[in-house]
């Protein structure tokens, strides 16, 4: 079954009855869900079969120990366990959660934990003794296999989406500023699967074009959404911040979109807020979104410091031969020292000496003011793509971020963290406003959101936004994810110079 670009849905009238025609989005979603189901079945049956074979040294197994007079073999137990597991997994395969985000995996883990919780309760109530070794193999093996299968299909889906397939066509509704921000966010993340097909803005906002979308995107005002849906073939309507659509209008819109098979998405109007800080709740019949405070204090915790020390030590031990080879290459290809010590501003504005392999000619710092002036005079995150001061070996080191490996010594000294905001020089800190200075609340990092989101190709505004997002939304899981993504970004060598 092939996956194609999405299109809108139409309502046909047959003998006076409204019949919803299947959309291309529904076609690819059904095919994708079927493939997930096949993978889940294979993972679950493989896990219970492996548990039975490994625990009992083969497919044959003693009967289940329980007080009833008749015997039940573990083959029956395995079949019942697999059937119950697969039944609970059905709720993890819905169009709302597949393809992006962490909700799919949260449901996956929750369904598995519920299954084994029920088993424990039944065993206690009916005095059934299930072999602990059997469950100890089946549970982790099955869960790992399920997660790997979902990750594999998600990776395949992102590749299909990068090829222009398997998208959800979205009509954005809201004020010009909010609609433009939402359209830009969708366009900058093609892996999310949303393709902007039009925008509706309040009457009188102007029929301007949005640079993030090709073609004339303003299809009407926020009172003509249904007409815009039919014109654009949208599968979903995303409502951003607007003063013209209140609770009554949104409820009416949901009723009107339902016969068309079009989803309604309402953005809460907050950006750069991690899911770990969000809690949904219903208050007086109204959905509320509770936002926890910024998490920069958590980034100062002792467990992060311990992780930094252990990780940096392990990395330095593993790459010691590489460090020696790089040091030899730097020393023999250009005159000057092996290392470059640069003053950077750390947590709470305290300066420190950051260690890097030298990638420029000696005395390169004396030319930086002239280069900044010749390239627009913006000192924030200043970098030149074809910097004449960079040596040939230094260009290679920068492409793959090898010049930054000695920064793990700064991590051991406590000046830096493995993951954090980008370390800045004094001239950049001097240009900070009140909001930008928040990035000094935590230690700078060897890597961070900026490293995996475009590196040197990022604009100064995007770099600052990503650094502030990290400071506000820190978690240990986020650090681990960014370390994993850094390996891929560095290996590809994209956006570094």
Protein backbone atom coordinates (compact mmCIF):
# COMPACT_ATOMS: atom_id res chain seq x y z
CA UNK A 1 0.00 0.00 0.00
CA UNK A 2 1.54 3.30 -1.02
CA UNK A 3 1.52 6.47 1.07
CA UNK A 4 0.63 9.69 -0.72
CA UNK A 5 0.24 13.34 0.10
CA UNK A 6 -2.86 14.17 2.08
CA UNK A 7 -5.86 15.91 0.72
CA UNK A 8 -9.08 17.20 2.17
CA UNK A 9 -12.28 15.28 2.71
CA UNK A 10 -15.57 15.83 0.97
CA UNK A 11 -19.10 15.01 1.98
CA UNK A 12 -21.20 13.26 -0.65
CA UNK A 13 -24.97 13.04 -0.44
CA UNK A 14 -26.42 9.63 -1.30
CA UNK A 15 -30.24 9.27 -1.08
CA UNK A 16 -30.33 12.21 1.25
CA UNK A 17 -27.72 10.73 3.60
CA UNK A 18 -24.40 12.48 4.13
CA UNK A 19 -21.54 10.08 3.40
CA UNK A 20 -17.95 10.98 4.31
CA UNK A 21 -15.47 10.07 1.61
CA UNK A 22 -12.16 8.65 2.78
CA UNK A 23 -9.25 11.04 2.65
CA UNK A 24 -5.72 10.29 1.54
CA UNK A 25 -4.62 11.02 5.11
CA UNK A 26 -6.93 8.28 6.39
CA UNK A 27 -5.50 5.90 3.79
CA UNK A 28 -1.88 6.33 4.84
CA UNK A 29 -2.78 6.39 8.53
CA UNK A 30 -4.68 3.09 8.21
CA UNK A 31 -1.76 1.51 6.37
CA UNK A 32 0.70 2.80 8.96
CA UNK A 33 -1.45 1.55 11.86
CA UNK A 34 -1.70 -1.88 10.23
CA UNK A 35 2.08 -2.07 10.01
CA UNK A 36 2.41 -1.04 13.64
CA UNK A 37 -0.07 -3.76 14.59
CA UNK A 38 1.91 -6.43 12.71
CA UNK A 39 5.12 -5.28 14.40
CA UNK A 40 3.45 -5.32 17.84
CA UNK A 41 2.14 -8.85 17.31
CA UNK A 42 5.60 -10.06 16.28
CA UNK A 43 7.26 -8.34 19.26
CA UNK A 44 4.81 -9.69 21.85
CA UNK A 45 4.78 -13.29 20.57
CA UNK A 46 8.57 -13.28 20.23
CA UNK A 47 8.91 -12.04 23.83
CA UNK A 48 6.59 -14.62 25.42
CA UNK A 49 8.04 -17.43 23.30
CA UNK A 50 11.59 -16.44 24.26
CA UNK A 51 10.58 -16.26 27.93
CA UNK A 52 9.12 -19.77 27.81
CA UNK A 53 12.10 -21.25 25.97
CA UNK A 54 14.75 -19.56 28.12
CA UNK A 55 13.03 -20.14 31.46
CA UNK A 56 12.14 -23.79 30.87
CA UNK A 57 15.01 -24.79 28.56
CA UNK A 58 12.71 -25.42 25.62
CA UNK A 59 9.10 -25.13 24.44
CA UNK A 60 7.97 -27.82 26.87
CA UNK A 61 7.20 -26.52 30.35
CA UNK A 62 5.66 -27.81 33.57
CA UNK A 63 2.01 -27.00 34.23
CA UNK A 64 0.96 -23.84 35.98
CA UNK A 65 1.00 -24.13 39.77
CA UNK A 66 -2.48 -23.35 41.09
CA UNK A 67 -5.03 -24.98 43.46
CA UNK A 68 -7.53 -26.18 40.82
CA UNK A 69 -7.45 -29.92 39.95
CA UNK A 70 -6.82 -29.62 36.20
CA UNK A 71 -3.55 -28.62 34.53
CA UNK A 72 -2.77 -25.64 32.32
CA UNK A 73 0.52 -25.58 30.44
CA UNK A 74 2.67 -22.52 29.96
CA UNK A 75 1.90 -22.54 26.25
CA UNK A 76 -1.68 -21.62 27.14
CA UNK A 77 -0.35 -19.04 29.61
CA UNK A 78 1.83 -17.53 26.89
CA UNK A 79 -1.08 -17.32 24.45
CA UNK A 80 -3.33 -15.71 27.08
CA UNK A 81 -0.58 -13.28 28.08
CA UNK A 82 0.04 -12.30 24.45
CA UNK A 83 -3.69 -11.84 23.77
CA UNK A 84 -4.16 -9.61 26.81
CA UNK A 85 -1.03 -7.63 26.01
CA UNK A 86 -2.12 -6.98 22.43
CA UNK A 87 -5.62 -5.98 23.56
CA UNK A 88 -4.18 -3.32 25.86
CA UNK A 89 -1.83 -2.10 23.11
CA UNK A 90 -4.76 -1.22 20.86
CA UNK A 91 -5.09 2.18 22.56
CA UNK A 92 -1.46 3.00 21.74
CA UNK A 93 -2.20 2.97 18.01
CA UNK A 94 -4.39 6.00 17.37
CA UNK A 95 -3.93 8.70 14.71
CA UNK A 96 -3.66 11.36 17.42
CA UNK A 97 -0.43 9.98 18.93
CA UNK A 98 1.43 8.12 16.19
CA UNK A 99 4.39 9.57 14.35
CA UNK A 100 5.64 12.26 16.75
CA UNK A 101 5.88 13.19 20.40
CA UNK A 102 6.29 11.00 23.47
CA UNK A 103 2.63 10.18 24.15
CA UNK A 104 2.80 7.04 21.98
CA UNK A 105 5.63 5.63 24.09
CA UNK A 106 4.03 6.71 27.36
CA UNK A 107 0.92 4.73 26.42
CA UNK A 108 3.08 1.80 25.38
CA UNK A 109 4.79 1.62 28.77
CA UNK A 110 1.52 2.27 30.62
CA UNK A 111 -0.29 -0.57 28.83
CA UNK A 112 2.54 -3.00 29.60
CA UNK A 113 2.66 -2.01 33.26
CA UNK A 114 -1.12 -2.37 33.56
CA UNK A 115 -0.96 -5.89 32.13
CA UNK A 116 1.65 -7.11 34.56
CA UNK A 117 -0.08 -5.30 37.43
CA UNK A 118 -3.28 -7.19 36.67
CA UNK A 119 -1.31 -10.43 36.53
CA UNK A 120 0.15 -9.77 39.97
CA UNK A 121 -3.30 -9.07 41.43
CA UNK A 122 -4.83 -12.20 39.85
CA UNK A 123 -1.96 -14.34 41.07
CA UNK A 124 -2.47 -13.03 44.60
CA UNK A 125 -6.25 -13.46 44.60
CA UNK A 126 -6.35 -16.95 43.08
CA UNK A 127 -3.07 -18.18 44.57
CA UNK A 128 -1.52 -18.80 41.19
CA UNK A 129 2.25 -19.20 41.15
CA UNK A 130 3.58 -17.93 37.83
CA UNK A 131 7.30 -18.52 37.38
CA UNK A 132 9.03 -15.26 38.22
CA UNK A 133 11.85 -15.94 35.78
CA UNK A 134 9.30 -16.30 32.98
CA UNK A 135 7.78 -12.88 33.72
CA UNK A 136 11.21 -11.33 34.32
CA UNK A 137 12.15 -12.23 30.73
CA UNK A 138 8.82 -11.55 29.02
CA UNK A 139 8.24 -8.07 30.45
CA UNK A 140 11.52 -6.29 29.56
CA UNK A 141 12.02 -8.23 26.33
CA UNK A 142 8.53 -7.45 25.09
CA UNK A 143 8.64 -3.80 26.08
CA UNK A 144 12.05 -3.29 24.47
CA UNK A 145 10.91 -5.03 21.29
CA UNK A 146 7.77 -2.90 21.13
CA UNK A 147 9.71 0.34 21.59
CA UNK A 148 12.31 -0.62 18.99
CA UNK A 149 9.57 -1.49 16.52
CA UNK A 150 7.79 1.82 17.04
CA UNK A 151 11.07 3.75 16.74
CA UNK A 152 11.89 1.95 13.49
CA UNK A 153 8.52 2.80 11.94
CA UNK A 154 8.75 6.38 13.21
CA UNK A 155 12.15 6.75 11.57
CA UNK A 156 10.70 5.40 8.33
CA UNK A 157 7.76 7.80 8.62
CA UNK A 158 10.06 10.80 9.04
CA UNK A 159 11.88 9.79 5.86
CA UNK A 160 8.59 9.50 4.00
CA UNK A 161 7.56 12.93 5.27
CA UNK A 162 10.89 14.41 4.16
CA UNK A 163 9.98 13.12 0.69
CA UNK A 164 6.66 14.99 0.78
CA UNK A 165 4.46 12.05 1.76
CA UNK A 166 2.30 11.12 4.75
CA UNK A 167 1.37 14.66 5.72
CA UNK A 168 -1.63 16.20 7.42
CA UNK A 169 -2.85 19.28 5.57
CA UNK A 170 -3.43 22.09 8.08
CA UNK A 171 -5.40 25.32 7.83
CA UNK A 172 -4.14 27.84 10.42
CA UNK A 173 -6.64 30.27 11.95
CA UNK A 174 -5.64 33.21 14.12
CA UNK A 175 -4.23 36.70 14.26
CA UNK A 176 -1.53 37.46 11.66
CA UNK A 177 1.27 37.27 14.24
CA UNK A 178 0.06 34.07 15.91
CA UNK A 179 -0.77 32.39 12.58
CA UNK A 180 2.64 33.30 11.17
CA UNK A 181 4.40 31.88 14.25
CA UNK A 182 2.44 28.63 14.04
CA UNK A 183 2.98 28.29 10.28
CA UNK A 184 6.70 28.87 10.75
CA UNK A 185 6.89 26.24 13.51
CA UNK A 186 5.16 23.63 11.33
CA UNK A 187 7.31 24.46 8.32
CA UNK A 188 10.57 24.33 10.30
CA UNK A 189 9.73 20.83 11.55
CA UNK A 190 8.74 18.77 8.50
CA UNK A 191 9.12 15.60 10.54
CA UNK A 192 6.02 16.51 12.54
CA UNK A 193 3.94 15.71 9.49
CA UNK A 194 1.95 18.94 9.20
CA UNK A 195 1.81 20.80 5.89
CA UNK A 196 0.36 24.32 5.87
CA UNK A 197 -2.19 24.75 3.07
CA UNK A 198 -3.68 28.09 4.04
CA UNK A 199 -4.29 30.73 6.68
CA UNK A 200 -7.42 32.52 7.89
CA UNK A 201 -6.91 35.83 9.68
CA UNK A 202 -9.46 38.26 11.13
CA UNK A 203 -11.10 40.63 8.67
CA UNK A 204 -9.11 43.81 8.22
CA UNK A 205 -5.75 42.19 9.00
CA UNK A 206 -4.61 42.54 5.43
CA UNK A 207 -4.26 40.01 2.64
CA UNK A 208 -0.55 39.54 3.09
CA UNK A 209 1.50 36.51 2.14
CA UNK A 210 3.23 34.35 4.69
CA UNK A 211 6.84 33.69 3.76
CA UNK A 212 6.77 30.21 5.30
CA UNK A 213 4.21 28.92 2.83
CA UNK A 214 4.26 28.88 -0.96
CA UNK A 215 1.50 30.68 -2.81
CA UNK A 216 -1.31 32.99 -1.64
CA UNK A 217 -1.97 31.64 1.83
CA UNK A 218 -4.67 33.95 3.19
CA UNK A 219 -7.85 32.10 2.20
CA UNK A 220 -10.33 34.19 4.15
CA UNK A 221 -11.10 35.50 7.60
CA UNK A 222 -11.78 33.56 10.78
CA UNK A 223 -15.52 33.58 10.00
CA UNK A 224 -15.12 31.67 6.73
CA UNK A 225 -13.17 28.66 7.97
CA UNK A 226 -15.48 26.06 6.41
CA UNK A 227 -15.15 27.61 2.97
CA UNK A 228 -11.36 27.78 3.38
CA UNK A 229 -11.28 24.11 4.40
CA UNK A 230 -13.11 23.10 1.24
CA UNK A 231 -10.90 25.30 -0.94
CA UNK A 232 -7.64 24.11 0.58
CA UNK A 233 -8.45 20.44 1.16
CA UNK A 234 -7.32 20.73 4.78
CA UNK A 235 -7.44 17.69 7.07
CA UNK A 236 -7.05 19.73 10.26
CA UNK A 237 -7.78 23.25 11.45
CA UNK A 238 -5.26 24.69 13.91
CA UNK A 239 -6.56 27.69 15.86
CA UNK A 240 -3.91 30.06 17.18
CA UNK A 241 -4.45 33.09 19.39
CA UNK A 242 -7.31 35.30 18.18
CA UNK A 243 -9.78 37.64 19.88
CA UNK A 244 -12.59 36.74 17.50
CA UNK A 245 -13.05 33.06 18.40
CA UNK A 246 -14.36 32.41 21.90
CA UNK A 247 -15.61 29.18 23.52
CA UNK A 248 -18.99 29.36 21.76
CA UNK A 249 -17.43 29.88 18.33
CA UNK A 250 -14.90 27.08 18.85
CA UNK A 251 -17.62 24.64 19.90
CA UNK A 252 -19.69 25.57 16.85
CA UNK A 253 -16.63 25.13 14.63
CA UNK A 254 -16.00 21.64 16.05
CA UNK A 255 -19.58 20.63 15.19
CA UNK A 256 -19.29 22.03 11.68
CA UNK A 257 -15.94 20.36 10.98
CA UNK A 258 -16.96 16.94 12.25
CA UNK A 259 -19.12 15.96 9.21
CA UNK A 260 -16.17 16.86 6.99
CA UNK A 261 -13.81 14.55 8.89
CA UNK A 262 -11.58 17.52 9.75
CA UNK A 263 -9.78 17.66 13.11
CA UNK A 264 -9.77 20.76 15.28
CA UNK A 265 -6.51 21.68 17.03
CA UNK A 266 -6.42 24.58 19.51
CA UNK A 267 -3.01 25.99 20.40
CA UNK A 268 -2.76 27.15 24.04
CA UNK A 269 -0.72 30.22 23.08
CA UNK A 270 2.52 29.21 24.82
CA UNK A 271 5.83 28.42 23.15
CA UNK A 272 9.03 26.65 24.20
CA UNK A 273 7.32 24.93 27.13
CA UNK A 274 8.29 21.28 27.59
CA UNK A 275 5.63 18.66 28.20
CA UNK A 276 7.12 17.88 31.62
CA UNK A 277 5.93 21.32 32.78
CA UNK A 278 2.37 20.98 31.45
CA UNK A 279 -0.60 19.47 33.27
CA UNK A 280 -4.09 19.24 31.78
CA UNK A 281 -7.02 19.60 34.12
CA UNK A 282 -10.74 20.36 33.96
CA UNK A 283 -11.89 23.25 36.18
CA UNK A 284 -15.58 24.20 36.31
CA UNK A 285 -16.14 22.32 33.07
CA UNK A 286 -13.37 24.22 31.29
CA UNK A 287 -10.10 22.64 30.11
CA UNK A 288 -7.13 24.31 31.80
CA UNK A 289 -3.42 24.01 31.09
CA UNK A 290 -1.29 24.36 34.22
CA UNK A 291 2.31 25.43 33.52
CA UNK A 292 4.96 24.68 36.14
CA UNK A 293 7.69 27.22 36.74
CA UNK A 294 11.05 27.24 34.92
CA UNK A 295 13.31 24.33 35.86
CA UNK A 296 16.71 26.07 35.92
CA UNK A 297 17.17 25.15 39.61
CA UNK A 298 17.00 21.47 38.64
CA UNK A 299 19.91 22.02 36.23
CA UNK A 300 22.06 22.90 39.28
CA UNK A 301 21.32 19.63 41.05
CA UNK A 302 23.98 17.29 42.42
CA UNK A 303 22.80 14.43 40.18
CA UNK A 304 23.52 16.52 37.07
CA UNK A 305 26.97 17.39 38.44
CA UNK A 306 27.65 13.70 39.17
CA UNK A 307 26.49 12.69 35.70
CA UNK A 308 28.71 15.37 34.13
CA UNK A 309 31.78 14.17 36.01
CA UNK A 310 31.23 10.47 35.23
CA UNK A 311 30.35 11.08 31.56
CA UNK A 312 33.30 13.43 30.95
CA UNK A 313 35.71 10.98 32.60
CA UNK A 314 34.46 8.10 30.47
CA UNK A 315 34.65 10.12 27.26
CA UNK A 316 38.19 11.34 27.92
CA UNK A 317 39.39 7.80 28.62
CA UNK A 318 37.80 6.50 25.41
CA UNK A 319 39.06 9.29 23.12
CA UNK A 320 42.56 9.65 24.59
CA UNK A 321 44.25 8.26 21.42
CA UNK A 322 42.18 10.63 19.27
CA UNK A 323 43.20 13.59 21.41
CA UNK A 324 46.87 12.72 20.94
CA UNK A 325 46.43 12.42 17.15
CA UNK A 326 44.65 15.78 16.92
CA UNK A 327 47.26 17.46 19.08
CA UNK A 328 50.00 16.14 16.78
CA UNK A 329 48.14 17.35 13.67
CA UNK A 330 47.63 20.86 15.09
CA UNK A 331 51.25 21.16 16.21
CA UNK A 332 52.82 19.97 12.93
CA UNK A 333 50.61 21.86 10.44
CA UNK A 334 50.77 25.43 11.76
CA UNK A 335 53.03 27.33 14.16
CA UNK A 336 51.65 28.04 17.59
CA UNK A 337 50.32 26.25 20.67
CA UNK A 338 48.19 23.11 20.52
CA UNK A 339 45.42 24.46 22.71
CA UNK A 340 43.52 27.70 22.55
CA UNK A 341 42.38 29.16 25.87
CA UNK A 342 39.45 31.52 25.49
CA UNK A 343 37.80 33.46 28.29
CA UNK A 344 34.10 32.59 28.43
CA UNK A 345 31.35 33.61 30.81
CA UNK A 346 29.96 30.82 32.94
CA UNK A 347 27.15 30.39 35.42
CA UNK A 348 26.20 33.54 37.34
CA UNK A 349 28.45 35.60 35.03
CA UNK A 350 31.72 34.16 36.39
CA UNK A 351 34.45 34.03 33.70
CA UNK A 352 36.55 30.92 33.09
CA UNK A 353 39.17 29.74 30.59
CA UNK A 354 37.63 27.38 28.05
CA UNK A 355 40.00 24.83 26.45
CA UNK A 356 39.84 24.05 22.73
CA UNK A 357 42.21 22.70 20.13
CA UNK A 358 43.62 25.68 18.22
CA UNK A 359 41.87 25.91 14.85
CA UNK A 360 43.00 29.43 13.86
CA UNK A 361 46.23 31.23 13.14
CA UNK A 362 48.08 32.73 16.08
CA UNK A 363 46.83 36.25 16.81
CA UNK A 364 43.42 35.67 15.22
CA UNK A 365 41.66 37.41 18.12
CA UNK A 366 43.16 40.75 17.10
CA UNK A 367 41.14 40.69 13.85
CA UNK A 368 37.76 39.81 15.36
CA UNK A 369 36.52 43.41 15.81
CA UNK A 370 37.17 44.24 12.18
CA UNK A 371 35.41 41.05 11.04
CA UNK A 372 32.38 41.80 13.19
CA UNK A 373 32.17 45.29 11.77
CA UNK A 374 32.46 44.06 8.18
CA UNK A 375 29.69 41.49 8.74
CA UNK A 376 27.02 43.74 10.17
CA UNK A 377 28.37 44.54 13.62
CA UNK A 378 26.30 41.95 15.52
CA UNK A 379 28.47 40.45 18.30
CA UNK A 380 25.97 37.79 19.40
CA UNK A 381 27.06 34.28 18.31
CA UNK A 382 29.42 35.82 15.75
CA UNK A 383 30.85 33.38 13.22
CA UNK A 384 32.02 33.72 9.63
CA UNK A 385 31.41 30.84 7.25
CA UNK A 386 34.66 31.34 5.31
CA UNK A 387 36.78 32.77 8.09
CA UNK A 388 40.28 33.51 6.68
CA UNK A 389 41.81 32.98 10.11
CA UNK A 390 40.96 29.25 10.22
CA UNK A 391 43.75 26.81 9.32
CA UNK A 392 43.13 23.85 6.94
CA UNK A 393 43.33 21.36 9.82
CA UNK A 394 41.19 23.68 11.92
CA UNK A 395 38.50 23.70 9.24
CA UNK A 396 38.27 19.91 9.43
CA UNK A 397 38.25 19.96 13.22
CA UNK A 398 35.46 22.52 13.26
CA UNK A 399 33.34 20.64 10.74
CA UNK A 400 33.12 17.65 13.08
CA UNK A 401 33.46 19.66 16.34
CA UNK A 402 36.71 17.86 17.18
CA UNK A 403 38.25 21.14 18.33
CA UNK A 404 35.75 21.18 21.21
CA UNK A 405 36.71 17.81 22.72
CA UNK A 406 39.12 19.34 25.30
CA UNK A 407 36.10 21.09 26.82
CA UNK A 408 35.45 17.86 28.71
CA UNK A 409 38.40 18.93 30.89
CA UNK A 410 36.38 22.06 31.70
CA UNK A 411 33.53 19.76 32.70
CA UNK A 412 35.83 17.91 35.13
CA UNK A 413 36.93 21.24 36.58
CA UNK A 414 33.29 22.24 37.12
CA UNK A 415 33.34 25.22 34.76
CA UNK A 416 31.03 23.61 32.20
CA UNK A 417 28.39 20.92 31.88
CA UNK A 418 28.11 18.22 29.25
CA UNK A 419 24.81 19.75 28.08
CA UNK A 420 23.89 23.39 28.48
CA UNK A 421 23.67 26.79 26.77
CA UNK A 422 26.38 27.81 24.37
CA UNK A 423 29.44 29.30 26.14
CA UNK A 424 29.67 33.01 25.38
CA UNK A 425 32.44 35.59 25.30
CA UNK A 426 32.27 38.86 27.22
CA UNK A 427 31.33 41.02 24.22
CA UNK A 428 28.25 38.86 23.65
CA UNK A 429 27.21 38.96 27.30
CA UNK A 430 27.60 42.74 27.30
CA UNK A 431 24.88 42.93 24.63
CA UNK A 432 22.36 40.86 26.64
CA UNK A 433 19.04 42.28 27.73
CA UNK A 434 17.24 41.10 30.86
CA UNK A 435 15.71 38.04 29.20
CA UNK A 436 18.94 36.88 27.54
CA UNK A 437 20.82 37.02 30.85
CA UNK A 438 18.71 34.08 32.08
CA UNK A 439 20.99 31.78 30.13
CA UNK A 440 23.69 32.56 32.72
CA UNK A 441 21.62 30.82 35.43
CA UNK A 442 23.17 27.44 34.48
CA UNK A 443 26.59 26.25 33.37
CA UNK A 444 27.37 26.43 29.65
CA UNK A 445 27.58 23.09 27.88
CA UNK A 446 29.85 21.19 25.53
CA UNK A 447 26.67 20.55 23.54
CA UNK A 448 23.07 21.70 23.72
CA UNK A 449 19.92 22.45 21.80
CA UNK A 450 21.87 24.80 19.55
CA UNK A 451 24.27 21.99 18.63
CA UNK A 452 21.54 19.67 17.36
CA UNK A 453 19.34 22.33 15.74
CA UNK A 454 21.57 23.81 13.06
CA UNK A 455 24.82 24.70 14.85
CA UNK A 456 26.48 27.70 13.22
CA UNK A 457 23.70 28.05 10.61
CA UNK A 458 21.29 29.25 13.30
CA UNK A 459 20.35 32.91 13.47
CA UNK A 460 21.31 34.75 16.68
CA UNK A 461 17.63 34.96 17.61
CA UNK A 462 17.08 31.21 17.23
CA UNK A 463 20.27 30.45 19.16
CA UNK A 464 19.16 32.59 22.09
CA UNK A 465 15.65 31.09 22.00
CA UNK A 466 17.01 27.54 22.12
CA UNK A 467 19.37 28.34 24.98
CA UNK A 468 16.55 29.91 27.00
CA UNK A 469 14.30 26.95 26.21
CA UNK A 470 16.94 24.58 27.63
CA UNK A 471 17.34 26.67 30.80
CA UNK A 472 13.57 26.73 31.37
CA UNK A 473 12.82 23.09 30.53
CA UNK A 474 15.82 21.12 31.82
CA UNK A 475 15.45 17.45 32.66
CA UNK A 476 17.87 14.53 32.84
CA UNK A 477 15.98 12.84 30.01
CA UNK A 478 16.43 15.94 27.86
CA UNK A 479 20.19 15.84 28.48
CA UNK A 480 20.37 12.20 27.38
CA UNK A 481 18.32 12.90 24.26
CA UNK A 482 20.52 15.85 23.30
CA UNK A 483 23.69 13.79 23.79
CA UNK A 484 22.30 11.16 21.44
CA UNK A 485 21.25 13.74 18.85
CA UNK A 486 24.64 15.46 19.10
CA UNK A 487 26.40 12.31 17.92
CA UNK A 488 24.32 12.32 14.74
CA UNK A 489 24.72 16.06 14.13
CA UNK A 490 28.49 15.94 14.61
CA UNK A 491 28.90 12.83 12.47
CA UNK A 492 27.09 14.50 9.56
CA UNK A 493 29.12 17.69 9.99
CA UNK A 494 26.13 19.86 9.09
CA UNK A 495 26.08 23.55 9.94
CA UNK A 496 29.56 23.76 11.48
CA UNK A 497 32.31 26.16 10.44
